[in-house]
C-alpha atoms as a PDB file:
ATOM      1  CA  MET A   1     -39.996  25.428 -17.024  1.00  0.00           C
ATOM      2  CA  GLN A   2     -37.641  26.853 -14.391  1.00  0.00           C
ATOM      3  CA  ARG A   3     -38.264  23.826 -12.143  1.00  0.00           C
ATOM      4  CA  ASN A   4     -37.266  21.428 -14.951  1.00  0.00           C
ATOM      5  CA  LYS A   5     -33.984  23.295 -15.460  1.00  0.00           C
ATOM      6  CA  ILE A   6     -33.182  23.036 -11.747  1.00  0.00           C
ATOM      7  CA  LEU A   7     -33.988  19.304 -11.650  1.00  0.00           C
ATOM      8  CA  PHE A   8     -31.890  18.723 -14.781  1.00  0.00           C
ATOM      9  CA  PHE A   9     -28.958  20.621 -13.214  1.00  0.00           C
ATOM     10  CA  ILE A  10     -29.237  18.592  -9.990  1.00  0.00           C
ATOM     11  CA  PHE A  11     -29.342  15.370 -12.013  1.00  0.00           C
ATOM     12  CA  ILE A  12     -26.214  16.314 -14.035  1.00  0.00           C
ATOM     13  CA  ALA A  13     -24.366  17.377 -10.862  1.00  0.00           C
ATOM     14  CA  GLY A  14     -25.230  14.026  -9.245  1.00  0.00           C
ATOM     15  CA  VAL A  15     -23.929  12.095 -12.251  1.00  0.00           C
ATOM     16  CA  ILE A  16     -20.663  14.078 -12.263  1.00  0.00           C
ATOM     17  CA  ILE A  17     -20.176  13.572  -8.521  1.00  0.00           C
ATOM     18  CA  SER A  18     -20.909   9.835  -8.828  1.00  0.00           C
ATOM     19  CA  ILE A  19     -18.430   9.364 -11.666  1.00  0.00           C
ATOM     20  CA  SER A  20     -15.766  11.389  -9.841  1.00  0.00           C
ATOM     21  CA  GLY A  21     -16.346   9.373  -6.672  1.00  0.00           C
ATOM     22  CA  TYR A  22     -15.911   6.118  -8.547  1.00  0.00           C
ATOM     23  CA  PHE A  23     -12.573   7.199 -10.003  1.00  0.00           C
ATOM     24  CA  ILE A  24     -11.294   8.636  -6.731  1.00  0.00           C
ATOM     25  CA  LEU A  25     -12.575   6.010  -4.300  1.00  0.00           C
ATOM     26  CA  GLY A  26     -13.284   3.062  -6.575  1.00  0.00           C
ATOM     27  CA  THR A  27      -9.700   2.568  -7.738  1.00  0.00           C
ATOM     28  CA  ASN A  28      -8.473   2.765  -4.142  1.00  0.00           C
ATOM     29  CA  LEU A  29     -11.079   0.209  -3.013  1.00  0.00           C
ATOM     30  CA  LEU A  30     -10.102  -2.098  -5.875  1.00  0.00           C
ATOM     31  CA  SER A  31      -6.407  -1.826  -4.990  1.00  0.00           C
ATOM     32  CA  ASN A  32      -7.235  -2.712  -1.364  1.00  0.00           C
ATOM     33  CA  LEU A  33      -9.098  -5.827  -2.487  1.00  0.00           C
ATOM     34  CA  GLU A  34      -6.274  -6.731  -4.835  1.00  0.00           C
ATOM     35  CA  GLY A  35      -3.798  -6.261  -1.996  1.00  0.00           C
ATOM     36  CA  ASP A  36      -5.641  -8.813   0.123  1.00  0.00           C
ATOM     37  CA  VAL A  37      -5.662 -11.339  -2.742  1.00  0.00           C
ATOM     38  CA  MET A  38      -1.932 -10.906  -3.391  1.00  0.00           C
ATOM     39  CA  GLN A  39      -1.095 -11.520   0.251  1.00  0.00           C
ATOM     40  CA  SER A  40      -0.087 -15.167  -0.187  1.00  0.00           C
ATOM     41  CA  GLN A  41       1.955 -14.410  -3.308  1.00  0.00           C
ATOM     42  CA  ASN A  42       4.231 -11.728  -1.852  1.00  0.00           C
ATOM     43  CA  VAL A  43       6.275 -13.960   0.497  1.00  0.00           C
ATOM     44  CA  GLU A  44       9.270 -16.028  -0.546  1.00  0.00           C
ATOM     45  CA  ILE A  45      11.827 -17.967   1.495  1.00  0.00           C
ATOM     46  CA  LYS A  46      15.353 -18.176   0.047  1.00  0.00           C
ATOM     47  CA  ASP A  47      18.383 -19.571   1.877  1.00  0.00           C
ATOM     48  CA  GLY A  48      16.621 -19.394   5.251  1.00  0.00           C
ATOM     49  CA  VAL A  49      15.609 -15.751   4.802  1.00  0.00           C
ATOM     50  CA  GLN A  50      11.974 -14.692   4.490  1.00  0.00           C
ATOM     51  CA  TYR A  51      11.419 -11.991   1.839  1.00  0.00           C
ATOM     52  CA  VAL A  52       8.174 -10.034   1.752  1.00  0.00           C
ATOM     53  CA  THR A  53       7.523  -7.826  -1.278  1.00  0.00           C
ATOM     54  CA  VAL A  54       5.368  -4.709  -1.145  1.00  0.00           C
ATOM     55  CA  THR A  55       4.683  -2.571  -4.204  1.00  0.00           C
ATOM     56  CA  ALA A  56       4.667   1.205  -3.769  1.00  0.00           C
ATOM     57  CA  LYS A  57       2.593   3.093  -6.321  1.00  0.00           C
ATOM     58  CA  GLY A  58      -0.561   4.991  -5.482  1.00  0.00           C
ATOM     59  CA  GLY A  59      -0.356   3.368  -2.049  1.00  0.00           C
ATOM     60  CA  TYR A  60       1.074   0.055  -0.918  1.00  0.00           C
ATOM     61  CA  SER A  61       0.040  -3.395  -2.048  1.00  0.00           C
ATOM     62  CA  PRO A  62      -0.647  -5.659  -0.302  1.00  0.00           C
ATOM     63  CA  ARG A  63      -1.720  -3.599   2.682  1.00  0.00           C
ATOM     64  CA  ASN A  64      -1.656  -6.507   5.144  1.00  0.00           C
ATOM     65  CA  THR A  65       0.677  -9.492   5.275  1.00  0.00           C
ATOM     66  CA  GLN A  66       1.041 -12.332   7.797  1.00  0.00           C
ATOM     67  CA  LEU A  67       4.557 -13.770   8.233  1.00  0.00           C
ATOM     68  CA  GLU A  68       6.322 -16.367  10.318  1.00  0.00           C
ATOM     69  CA  ALA A  69       8.125 -15.024  13.380  1.00  0.00           C
ATOM     70  CA  GLY A  70      11.587 -16.176  14.453  1.00  0.00           C
ATOM     71  CA  MET A  71      13.029 -16.153  10.960  1.00  0.00           C
ATOM     72  CA  PRO A  72      15.402 -13.599   9.378  1.00  0.00           C
ATOM     73  CA  THR A  73      13.155 -11.281   7.351  1.00  0.00           C
ATOM     74  CA  LYS A  74      13.752  -8.710   4.650  1.00  0.00           C
ATOM     75  CA  LEU A  75      11.214  -6.291   3.255  1.00  0.00           C
ATOM     76  CA  VAL A  76      11.511  -5.592  -0.476  1.00  0.00           C
ATOM     77  CA  ILE A  77       9.799  -2.413  -1.652  1.00  0.00           C
ATOM     78  CA  LYS A  78       9.267  -2.300  -5.422  1.00  0.00           C
ATOM     79  CA  THR A  79       8.599   0.894  -7.337  1.00  0.00           C
ATOM     80  CA  GLU A  80       7.744   1.350 -10.988  1.00  0.00           C
ATOM     81  CA  SER A  81       7.186   4.904 -12.209  1.00  0.00           C
ATOM     82  CA  THR A  82       6.232   5.868  -8.656  1.00  0.00           C
ATOM     83  CA  TYR A  83       6.004   9.639  -8.347  1.00  0.00           C
ATOM     84  CA  ASP A  84       3.389   9.960  -5.598  1.00  0.00           C
ATOM     85  CA  CYS A  85       3.866  10.212  -1.848  1.00  0.00           C
ATOM     86  CA  SER A  86       4.121   6.414  -1.480  1.00  0.00           C
ATOM     87  CA  ALA A  87       7.727   6.888  -2.689  1.00  0.00           C
ATOM     88  CA  ALA A  88       8.481   8.734   0.583  1.00  0.00           C
ATOM     89  CA  LEU A  89       8.574   5.642   2.816  1.00  0.00           C
ATOM     90  CA  ILE A  90       8.884   5.495   6.592  1.00  0.00           C
ATOM     91  CA  VAL A  91       9.286   2.209   8.513  1.00  0.00           C
ATOM     92  CA  ARG A  92       9.925   3.361  12.080  1.00  0.00           C
ATOM     93  CA  SER A  93      10.598  -0.064  13.615  1.00  0.00           C
ATOM     94  CA  ALA A  94      13.465  -0.547  11.133  1.00  0.00           C
ATOM     95  CA  SER A  95      14.673   3.077  11.532  1.00  0.00           C
ATOM     96  CA  PHE A  96      14.075   3.524   7.809  1.00  0.00           C
ATOM     97  CA  GLN A  97      13.088   6.786   6.170  1.00  0.00           C
ATOM     98  CA  LYS A  98      13.881   7.421   2.532  1.00  0.00           C
ATOM     99  CA  LEU A  99      12.629   8.886  -0.719  1.00  0.00           C
ATOM    100  CA  LEU A 100      12.624   5.828  -2.984  1.00  0.00           C
ATOM    101  CA  GLN A 101      13.804   5.852  -6.585  1.00  0.00           C
ATOM    102  CA  PRO A 102      10.869   6.142  -9.024  1.00  0.00           C
ATOM    103  CA  THR A 103      11.692   2.681 -10.432  1.00  0.00           C
ATOM    104  CA  GLY A 104      13.649   0.008  -8.588  1.00  0.00           C
ATOM    105  CA  GLU A 105      13.830  -2.058  -5.415  1.00  0.00           C
ATOM    106  CA  GLU A 106      14.795  -1.186  -1.865  1.00  0.00           C
ATOM    107  CA  VAL A 107      15.633  -4.000   0.572  1.00  0.00           C
ATOM    108  CA  ILE A 108      15.088  -3.311   4.282  1.00  0.00           C
ATOM    109  CA  ASP A 109      16.415  -5.749   6.880  1.00  0.00           C
ATOM    110  CA  LEU A 110      13.770  -6.401   9.555  1.00  0.00           C
ATOM    111  CA  GLY A 111      16.004  -8.693  11.614  1.00  0.00           C
ATOM    112  CA  ILE A 112      14.399 -11.698  13.326  1.00  0.00           C
ATOM    113  CA  PRO A 113      10.932 -10.572  14.437  1.00  0.00           C
ATOM    114  CA  LYS A 114       9.248 -12.077  17.513  1.00  0.00           C
ATOM    115  CA  PRO A 115       5.696 -13.498  17.578  1.00  0.00           C
ATOM    116  CA  GLY A 116       3.116 -10.733  17.869  1.00  0.00           C
ATOM    117  CA  GLU A 117       5.465  -8.121  16.456  1.00  0.00           C
ATOM    118  CA  LYS A 118       4.032  -5.730  13.884  1.00  0.00           C
ATOM    119  CA  VAL A 119       5.934  -3.736  11.276  1.00  0.00           C
ATOM    120  CA  ARG A 120       4.148  -0.735   9.820  1.00  0.00           C
ATOM    121  CA  GLY A 121       5.107   1.322   6.836  1.00  0.00           C
ATOM    122  CA  THR A 122       3.632   4.645   5.845  1.00  0.00           C
ATOM    123  CA  CYS A 123       4.175   7.414   3.352  1.00  0.00           C
ATOM    124  CA  SER A 124       5.525  10.697   4.677  1.00  0.00           C
ATOM    125  CA  MET A 125       2.053  12.282   4.562  1.00  0.00           C
ATOM    126  CA  GLY A 126       0.386   9.371   6.384  1.00  0.00           C
ATOM    127  CA  MET A 127      -2.100   8.838   3.531  1.00  0.00           C
ATOM    128  CA  TYR A 128      -0.934   5.333   2.576  1.00  0.00           C
ATOM    129  CA  ASN A 129       0.184   2.516   4.856  1.00  0.00           C
ATOM    130  CA  PHE A 130       0.846  -1.207   5.121  1.00  0.00           C
ATOM    131  CA  SER A 131       1.408  -3.625   7.975  1.00  0.00           C
ATOM    132  CA  ILE A 132       3.216  -6.910   8.439  1.00  0.00           C
ATOM    133  CA  ASN A 133       2.152  -9.119  11.341  1.00  0.00           C
ATOM    134  CA  PHE A 134       4.399 -11.878  12.672  1.00  0.00           C
ATOM    135  CA  ASN A 135       2.845 -15.057  14.089  1.00  0.00           C
END
C-alpha cells in the first residue's frame, strides 16, 4: 500500500513538472519558431531607407534577421503592453540604451551598415536578444 502511494506521488509530480515545463519552455520555443517565420515580413524599404521591425514582448521577435548592407537602415522596436525586461533595450553598436514605453514604437538609426556587420540587441538582464546580419 505504501509503495502505491509513493508511485502515485511520483507520477503526479512528473505530470506537474511536465506541464510547468511546457508553459515555461514551450511558449519560448514557439516564439522562436515564429520569429524565424516572420523574418521575411519584418523588412520594408521606403524612400531608399531600409526599416527592420522587431517586436519586444516576452523577448524579441524575430530573433534573427538578414538585411542588405550599404543601405541606410533604421530599426523599429514595437512594444504593446510590454512590462517585462525586454522593454529595457540595449543596442551597443548604435549607442542605444533605454527603457521603452510599454506601448509604442522606438526608431533607432543604424546608419549605413557594411557587409558582414552584425547588430545585436539585448535586454538589460541579458535574458532576451536579437541579431541583425548585413550581407
